[in-house]
């Protein structure tokens, strides 16, 4: 499962960021690291982009970038 399918209010843990290019490194630099908890805070009415809370910061990602962030299996919750 990847970050792009996380619904508003759900949280999960990052397993890894796919790829070894600059885009993948940028996501890691923003805090999408293995083991980090991430929560979807907001989605634009069209669904793209979405805002995520990770590492104490709020980051907006489009669907393509969010799909590169792979989540741990069974790690989805409501964040409560």
PDB file of N, CA and C in Angstrom:
ATOM      1  N   UNK A   1       0.849  -1.167   0.000  1.00  0.00           N
ATOM      2  CA  UNK A   1       0.000   0.000   0.000  1.00  0.00           C
ATOM      3  C   UNK A   1       0.903   1.240   0.000  1.00  0.00           C
ATOM      4  N   UNK A   2       0.427   2.293  -0.638  1.00  0.00           N
ATOM      5  CA  UNK A   2       1.211   3.518  -0.657  1.00  0.00           C
ATOM      6  C   UNK A   2       0.426   4.694  -0.083  1.00  0.00           C
ATOM      7  N   UNK A   3       1.119   5.788   0.148  1.00  0.00           N
ATOM      8  CA  UNK A   3       0.564   6.944   0.826  1.00  0.00           C
ATOM      9  C   UNK A   3      -0.623   7.561   0.089  1.00  0.00           C
ATOM     10  N   UNK A   4      -0.688   7.431  -1.213  1.00  0.00           N
ATOM     11  CA  UNK A   4      -1.755   8.072  -1.981  1.00  0.00           C
ATOM     12  C   UNK A   4      -3.139   7.505  -1.665  1.00  0.00           C
ATOM     13  N   UNK A   5      -3.229   6.332  -1.057  1.00  0.00           N
ATOM     14  CA  UNK A   5      -4.530   5.736  -0.736  1.00  0.00           C
ATOM     15  C   UNK A   5      -4.964   6.010   0.702  1.00  0.00           C
ATOM     16  N   UNK A   6      -4.125   6.676   1.478  1.00  0.00           N
ATOM     17  CA  UNK A   6      -4.466   6.997   2.860  1.00  0.00           C
ATOM     18  C   UNK A   6      -5.578   8.048   2.872  1.00  0.00           C
ATOM     19  N   UNK A   7      -6.666   7.768   3.559  1.00  0.00           N
ATOM     20  CA  UNK A   7      -7.798   8.688   3.635  1.00  0.00           C
ATOM     21  C   UNK A   7      -7.550   9.748   4.702  1.00  0.00           C
ATOM     22  N   UNK A   8      -8.241  10.860   4.581  1.00  0.00           N
ATOM     23  CA  UNK A   8      -8.138  11.925   5.580  1.00  0.00           C
ATOM     24  C   UNK A   8      -8.461  11.358   6.957  1.00  0.00           C
ATOM     25  N   UNK A   9      -7.600  11.633   7.933  1.00  0.00           N
ATOM     26  CA  UNK A   9      -7.770  11.146   9.293  1.00  0.00           C
ATOM     27  C   UNK A   9      -7.047   9.844   9.575  1.00  0.00           C
ATOM     28  N   UNK A  10      -6.614   9.141   8.538  1.00  0.00           N
ATOM     29  CA  UNK A  10      -5.898   7.882   8.742  1.00  0.00           C
ATOM     30  C   UNK A  10      -4.404   8.134   8.916  1.00  0.00           C
ATOM     31  N   UNK A  11      -3.767   7.236   9.637  1.00  0.00           N
ATOM     32  CA  UNK A  11      -2.324   7.314   9.814  1.00  0.00           C
ATOM     33  C   UNK A  11      -1.705   5.954   9.574  1.00  0.00           C
ATOM     34  N   UNK A  12      -0.415   5.953   9.287  1.00  0.00           N
ATOM     35  CA  UNK A  12       0.323   4.715   9.023  1.00  0.00           C
ATOM     36  C   UNK A  12       1.804   4.999   9.231  1.00  0.00           C
ATOM     37  N   UNK A  13       2.598   3.949   9.144  1.00  0.00           N
ATOM     38  CA  UNK A  13       4.055   4.088   9.246  1.00  0.00           C
ATOM     39  C   UNK A  13       4.672   3.868   7.865  1.00  0.00           C
ATOM     40  N   UNK A  14       5.682   4.647   7.592  1.00  0.00           N
ATOM     41  CA  UNK A  14       6.402   4.543   6.327  1.00  0.00           C
ATOM     42  C   UNK A  14       7.274   3.295   6.338  1.00  0.00           C
ATOM     43  N   UNK A  15       7.216   2.526   5.258  1.00  0.00           N
ATOM     44  CA  UNK A  15       8.110   1.386   5.084  1.00  0.00           C
ATOM     45  C   UNK A  15       9.355   1.814   4.321  1.00  0.00           C
ATOM     46  N   UNK A  16       9.151   2.541   3.209  1.00  0.00           N
ATOM     47  CA  UNK A  16      10.265   3.028   2.401  1.00  0.00           C
ATOM     48  C   UNK A  16       9.753   4.001   1.350  1.00  0.00           C
ATOM     49  N   UNK A  17      10.673   4.712   0.746  1.00  0.00           N
ATOM     50  CA  UNK A  17      10.355   5.562  -0.401  1.00  0.00           C
ATOM     51  C   UNK A  17      10.942   4.874  -1.623  1.00  0.00           C
ATOM     52  N   UNK A  18      10.110   4.634  -2.618  1.00  0.00           N
ATOM     53  CA  UNK A  18      10.544   3.930  -3.819  1.00  0.00           C
ATOM     54  C   UNK A  18      11.400   4.840  -4.692  1.00  0.00           C
ATOM     55  N   UNK A  19      12.488   4.291  -5.180  1.00  0.00           N
ATOM     56  CA  UNK A  19      13.341   5.009  -6.110  1.00  0.00           C
ATOM     57  C   UNK A  19      14.624   5.493  -5.478  1.00  0.00           C
ATOM     58  N   UNK A  20      15.577   5.799  -6.354  1.00  0.00           N
ATOM     59  CA  UNK A  20      16.882   6.277  -5.895  1.00  0.00           C
ATOM     60  C   UNK A  20      17.239   7.601  -6.561  1.00  0.00           C
ATOM     61  N   UNK A  21      16.257   8.245  -7.159  1.00  0.00           N
ATOM     62  CA  UNK A  21      16.506   9.510  -7.849  1.00  0.00           C
ATOM     63  C   UNK A  21      16.341  10.695  -6.911  1.00  0.00           C
ATOM     64  N   UNK A  22      16.462  11.882  -7.455  1.00  0.00           N
ATOM     65  CA  UNK A  22      16.350  13.096  -6.659  1.00  0.00           C
ATOM     66  C   UNK A  22      14.986  13.279  -6.024  1.00  0.00           C
ATOM     67  N   UNK A  23      13.928  12.846  -6.714  1.00  0.00           N
ATOM     68  CA  UNK A  23      12.577  12.972  -6.156  1.00  0.00           C
ATOM     69  C   UNK A  23      12.399  12.121  -4.913  1.00  0.00           C
ATOM     70  N   UNK A  24      12.933  10.919  -4.942  1.00  0.00           N
ATOM     71  CA  UNK A  24      12.850  10.035  -3.778  1.00  0.00           C
ATOM     72  C   UNK A  24      13.666  10.601  -2.624  1.00  0.00           C
ATOM     73  N   UNK A  25      14.843  11.134  -2.934  1.00  0.00           N
ATOM     74  CA  UNK A  25      15.676  11.728  -1.879  1.00  0.00           C
ATOM     75  C   UNK A  25      14.988  12.936  -1.279  1.00  0.00           C
ATOM     76  N   UNK A  26      14.313  13.730  -2.091  1.00  0.00           N
ATOM     77  CA  UNK A  26      13.593  14.910  -1.589  1.00  0.00           C
ATOM     78  C   UNK A  26      12.511  14.479  -0.599  1.00  0.00           C
ATOM     79  N   UNK A  27      11.782  13.405  -0.900  1.00  0.00           N
ATOM     80  CA  UNK A  27      10.757  12.904   0.023  1.00  0.00           C
ATOM     81  C   UNK A  27      11.391  12.472   1.342  1.00  0.00           C
ATOM     82  N   UNK A  28      12.532  11.798   1.268  1.00  0.00           N
ATOM     83  CA  UNK A  28      13.224  11.396   2.491  1.00  0.00           C
ATOM     84  C   UNK A  28      13.692  12.633   3.273  1.00  0.00           C
ATOM     85  N   UNK A  29      14.184  13.637   2.565  1.00  0.00           N
ATOM     86  CA  UNK A  29      14.613  14.876   3.220  1.00  0.00           C
ATOM     87  C   UNK A  29      13.460  15.575   3.929  1.00  0.00           C
ATOM     88  N   UNK A  30      12.238  15.409   3.406  1.00  0.00           N
ATOM     89  CA  UNK A  30      11.052  16.017   4.007  1.00  0.00           C
ATOM     90  C   UNK A  30      10.554  15.249   5.229  1.00  0.00           C
ATOM     91  N   UNK A  31      11.131  14.066   5.485  1.00  0.00           N
ATOM     92  CA  UNK A  31      10.773  13.314   6.680  1.00  0.00           C
ATOM     93  C   UNK A  31      10.090  11.991   6.435  1.00  0.00           C
ATOM     94  N   UNK A  32       9.904  11.615   5.179  1.00  0.00           N
ATOM     95  CA  UNK A  32       9.265  10.331   4.867  1.00  0.00           C
ATOM     96  C   UNK A  32      10.334   9.234   4.932  1.00  0.00           C
ATOM     97  N   UNK A  33      10.687   8.878   6.162  1.00  0.00           N
ATOM     98  CA  UNK A  33      11.728   7.890   6.435  1.00  0.00           C
ATOM     99  C   UNK A  33      11.108   6.619   6.987  1.00  0.00           C
ATOM    100  N   UNK A  34      11.780   5.505   6.810  1.00  0.00           N
ATOM    101  CA  UNK A  34      11.295   4.225   7.326  1.00  0.00           C
ATOM    102  C   UNK A  34      10.998   4.348   8.819  1.00  0.00           C
ATOM    103  N   UNK A  35       9.793   3.927   9.202  1.00  0.00           N
ATOM    104  CA  UNK A  35       9.379   3.955  10.595  1.00  0.00           C
ATOM    105  C   UNK A  35       8.656   5.219  11.017  1.00  0.00           C
ATOM    106  N   UNK A  36       8.716   6.267  10.200  1.00  0.00           N
ATOM    107  CA  UNK A  36       8.048   7.522  10.549  1.00  0.00           C
ATOM    108  C   UNK A  36       6.537   7.366  10.456  1.00  0.00           C
ATOM    109  N   UNK A  37       5.833   7.966  11.409  1.00  0.00           N
ATOM    110  CA  UNK A  37       4.373   7.955  11.353  1.00  0.00           C
ATOM    111  C   UNK A  37       3.926   9.120  10.486  1.00  0.00           C
ATOM    112  N   UNK A  38       2.957   8.852   9.627  1.00  0.00           N
ATOM    113  CA  UNK A  38       2.415   9.871   8.739  1.00  0.00           C
ATOM    114  C   UNK A  38       0.893   9.841   8.830  1.00  0.00           C
ATOM    115  N   UNK A  39       0.295  11.022   8.816  1.00  0.00           N
ATOM    116  CA  UNK A  39      -1.169  11.122   8.907  1.00  0.00           C
ATOM    117  C   UNK A  39      -1.675  12.056   7.818  1.00  0.00           C
ATOM    118  N   UNK A  40      -2.739  11.659   7.153  1.00  0.00           N
ATOM    119  CA  UNK A  40      -3.365  12.499   6.145  1.00  0.00           C
ATOM    120  C   UNK A  40      -4.280  13.492   6.859  1.00  0.00           C
ATOM    121  N   UNK A  41      -3.986  14.783   6.688  1.00  0.00           N
ATOM    122  CA  UNK A  41      -4.743  15.821   7.381  1.00  0.00           C
ATOM    123  C   UNK A  41      -5.838  16.440   6.525  1.00  0.00           C
ATOM    124  N   UNK A  42      -5.601  16.550   5.230  1.00  0.00           N
ATOM    125  CA  UNK A  42      -6.513  17.296   4.375  1.00  0.00           C
ATOM    126  C   UNK A  42      -6.367  16.836   2.934  1.00  0.00           C
ATOM    127  N   UNK A  43      -7.469  16.844   2.206  1.00  0.00           N
ATOM    128  CA  UNK A  43      -7.429  16.574   0.775  1.00  0.00           C
ATOM    129  C   UNK A  43      -8.193  17.674   0.055  1.00  0.00           C
ATOM    130  N   UNK A  44      -7.625  18.157  -1.020  1.00  0.00           N
ATOM    131  CA  UNK A  44      -8.311  19.119  -1.872  1.00  0.00           C
ATOM    132  C   UNK A  44      -9.617  18.471  -2.331  1.00  0.00           C
ATOM    133  N   UNK A  45     -10.660  19.245  -2.579  1.00  0.00           N
ATOM    134  CA  UNK A  45     -11.935  18.647  -3.005  1.00  0.00           C
ATOM    135  C   UNK A  45     -11.817  17.690  -4.200  1.00  0.00           C
ATOM    136  N   UNK A  46     -10.824  17.903  -5.054  1.00  0.00           N
ATOM    137  CA  UNK A  46     -10.617  16.981  -6.178  1.00  0.00           C
ATOM    138  C   UNK A  46      -9.818  15.745  -5.756  1.00  0.00           C
ATOM    139  N   UNK A  47      -9.283  15.767  -4.524  1.00  0.00           N
ATOM    140  CA  UNK A  47      -8.493  14.646  -4.026  1.00  0.00           C
ATOM    141  C   UNK A  47      -6.995  14.811  -4.209  1.00  0.00           C
ATOM    142  N   UNK A  48      -6.572  15.820  -4.943  1.00  0.00           N
ATOM    143  CA  UNK A  48      -5.158  16.004  -5.242  1.00  0.00           C
ATOM    144  C   UNK A  48      -4.845  17.487  -5.287  1.00  0.00           C
ATOM    145  N   UNK A  49      -3.961  18.001  -4.472  1.00  0.00           N
ATOM    146  CA  UNK A  49      -3.039  17.317  -3.568  1.00  0.00           C
ATOM    147  C   UNK A  49      -3.678  17.016  -2.212  1.00  0.00           C
ATOM    148  N   UNK A  50      -2.896  16.361  -1.380  1.00  0.00           N
ATOM    149  CA  UNK A  50      -3.283  16.066   0.001  1.00  0.00           C
ATOM    150  C   UNK A  50      -2.186  16.577   0.926  1.00  0.00           C
ATOM    151  N   UNK A  51      -2.572  16.933   2.143  1.00  0.00           N
ATOM    152  CA  UNK A  51      -1.613  17.405   3.141  1.00  0.00           C
ATOM    153  C   UNK A  51      -1.382  16.297   4.162  1.00  0.00           C
ATOM    154  N   UNK A  52      -0.117  16.065   4.491  1.00  0.00           N
ATOM    155  CA  UNK A  52       0.270  14.999   5.411  1.00  0.00           C
ATOM    156  C   UNK A  52       1.100  15.574   6.554  1.00  0.00           C
ATOM    157  N   UNK A  53       0.865  15.065   7.747  1.00  0.00           N
ATOM    158  CA  UNK A  53       1.673  15.407   8.911  1.00  0.00           C
ATOM    159  C   UNK A  53       2.743  14.331   9.054  1.00  0.00           C
ATOM    160  N   UNK A  54       4.002  14.743   8.996  1.00  0.00           N
ATOM    161  CA  UNK A  54       5.111  13.805   9.152  1.00  0.00           C
ATOM    162  C   UNK A  54       6.270  14.555   9.807  1.00  0.00           C
ATOM    163  N   UNK A  55       6.847  13.968  10.819  1.00  0.00           N
ATOM    164  CA  UNK A  55       7.994  14.564  11.486  1.00  0.00           C
ATOM    165  C   UNK A  55       7.747  15.954  12.050  1.00  0.00           C
ATOM    166  N   UNK A  56       6.523  16.233  12.467  1.00  0.00           N
ATOM    167  CA  UNK A  56       6.207  17.527  13.050  1.00  0.00           C
ATOM    168  C   UNK A  56       5.903  18.621  12.042  1.00  0.00           C
ATOM    169  N   UNK A  57       5.941  18.300  10.761  1.00  0.00           N
ATOM    170  CA  UNK A  57       5.647  19.282   9.718  1.00  0.00           C
ATOM    171  C   UNK A  57       4.509  18.818   8.829  1.00  0.00           C
ATOM    172  N   UNK A  58       3.874  19.768   8.176  1.00  0.00           N
ATOM    173  CA  UNK A  58       2.791  19.451   7.247  1.00  0.00           C
ATOM    174  C   UNK A  58       3.317  19.638   5.831  1.00  0.00           C
ATOM    175  N   UNK A  59       3.183  18.592   5.024  1.00  0.00           N
ATOM    176  CA  UNK A  59       3.706  18.569   3.666  1.00  0.00           C
ATOM    177  C   UNK A  59       2.565  18.252   2.706  1.00  0.00           C
ATOM    178  N   UNK A  60       2.428  19.032   1.645  1.00  0.00           N
ATOM    179  CA  UNK A  60       1.431  18.749   0.608  1.00  0.00           C
ATOM    180  C   UNK A  60       2.113  17.999  -0.530  1.00  0.00           C
ATOM    181  N   UNK A  61       1.499  16.890  -0.935  1.00  0.00           N
ATOM    182  CA  UNK A  61       2.028  16.088  -2.027  1.00  0.00           C
ATOM    183  C   UNK A  61       0.933  15.802  -3.044  1.00  0.00           C
ATOM    184  N   UNK A  62       1.318  15.757  -4.307  1.00  0.00           N
ATOM    185  CA  UNK A  62       0.365  15.320  -5.312  1.00  0.00           C
ATOM    186  C   UNK A  62       0.337  13.786  -5.325  1.00  0.00           C
ATOM    187  N   UNK A  63      -0.600  13.235  -6.066  1.00  0.00           N
ATOM    188  CA  UNK A  63      -0.813  11.782  -6.088  1.00  0.00           C
ATOM    189  C   UNK A  63       0.447  11.030  -6.524  1.00  0.00           C
ATOM    190  N   UNK A  64       1.136  11.542  -7.527  1.00  0.00           N
ATOM    191  CA  UNK A  64       2.317  10.854  -8.051  1.00  0.00           C
ATOM    192  C   UNK A  64       3.424  10.752  -7.007  1.00  0.00           C
ATOM    193  N   UNK A  65       3.681  11.845  -6.297  1.00  0.00           N
ATOM    194  CA  UNK A  65       4.718  11.824  -5.267  1.00  0.00           C
ATOM    195  C   UNK A  65       4.307  10.937  -4.099  1.00  0.00           C
ATOM    196  N   UNK A  66       3.047  11.034  -3.677  1.00  0.00           N
ATOM    197  CA  UNK A  66       2.569  10.231  -2.546  1.00  0.00           C
ATOM    198  C   UNK A  66       2.624   8.735  -2.857  1.00  0.00           C
ATOM    199  N   UNK A  67       2.428   8.372  -4.103  1.00  0.00           N
ATOM    200  CA  UNK A  67       2.456   6.955  -4.483  1.00  0.00           C
ATOM    201  C   UNK A  67       3.844   6.346  -4.315  1.00  0.00           C
ATOM    202  N   UNK A  68       4.880   7.165  -4.231  1.00  0.00           N
ATOM    203  CA  UNK A  68       6.241   6.662  -4.052  1.00  0.00           C
ATOM    204  C   UNK A  68       6.540   6.293  -2.606  1.00  0.00           C
ATOM    205  N   UNK A  69       5.698   6.753  -1.679  1.00  0.00           N
ATOM    206  CA  UNK A  69       5.901   6.474  -0.260  1.00  0.00           C
ATOM    207  C   UNK A  69       5.133   5.201   0.086  1.00  0.00           C
ATOM    208  N   UNK A  70       5.859   4.138   0.335  1.00  0.00           N
ATOM    209  CA  UNK A  70       5.250   2.842   0.639  1.00  0.00           C
ATOM    210  C   UNK A  70       5.055   2.712   2.138  1.00  0.00           C
ATOM    211  N   UNK A  71       3.915   2.145   2.516  1.00  0.00           N
ATOM    212  CA  UNK A  71       3.542   2.040   3.923  1.00  0.00           C
ATOM    213  C   UNK A  71       3.651   0.615   4.421  1.00  0.00           C
ATOM    214  N   UNK A  72       3.840   0.474   5.729  1.00  0.00           N
ATOM    215  CA  UNK A  72       3.874  -0.859   6.334  1.00  0.00           C
ATOM    216  C   UNK A  72       2.503  -1.499   6.222  1.00  0.00           C
ATOM    217  N   UNK A  73       2.473  -2.808   6.031  1.00  0.00           N
ATOM    218  CA  UNK A  73       1.215  -3.550   5.949  1.00  0.00           C
ATOM    219  C   UNK A  73       0.477  -3.495   7.270  1.00  0.00           C
ATOM    220  N   UNK A  74      -0.821  -3.246   7.216  1.00  0.00           N
ATOM    221  CA  UNK A  74      -1.638  -3.256   8.413  1.00  0.00           C
ATOM    222  C   UNK A  74      -1.407  -2.078   9.330  1.00  0.00           C
ATOM    223  N   UNK A  75      -0.697  -1.058   8.851  1.00  0.00           N
ATOM    224  CA  UNK A  75      -0.362   0.059   9.703  1.00  0.00           C
ATOM    225  C   UNK A  75      -1.310   1.233   9.609  1.00  0.00           C
ATOM    226  N   UNK A  76      -2.490   1.024   9.078  1.00  0.00           N
ATOM    227  CA  UNK A  76      -3.431   2.129   8.906  1.00  0.00           C
ATOM    228  C   UNK A  76      -4.365   2.211  10.095  1.00  0.00           C
ATOM    229  N   UNK A  77      -4.518   3.415  10.618  1.00  0.00           N
ATOM    230  CA  UNK A  77      -5.420   3.636  11.739  1.00  0.00           C
ATOM    231  C   UNK A  77      -6.070   4.991  11.610  1.00  0.00           C
ATOM    232  N   UNK A  78      -6.872   5.317  12.586  1.00  0.00           N
ATOM    233  CA  UNK A  78      -7.571   6.589  12.560  1.00  0.00           C
ATOM    234  C   UNK A  78      -6.747   7.695  13.190  1.00  0.00           C
ATOM    235  N   UNK A  79      -5.641   7.357  13.795  1.00  0.00           N
ATOM    236  CA  UNK A  79      -4.790   8.357  14.424  1.00  0.00           C
ATOM    237  C   UNK A  79      -5.270   8.778  15.793  1.00  0.00           C
ATOM    238  N   UNK A  80      -6.250   8.091  16.324  1.00  0.00           N
ATOM    239  CA  UNK A  80      -6.796   8.432  17.656  1.00  0.00           C
ATOM    240  C   UNK A  80      -6.261   7.493  18.704  1.00  0.00           C
TER     241      UNK A  80
END
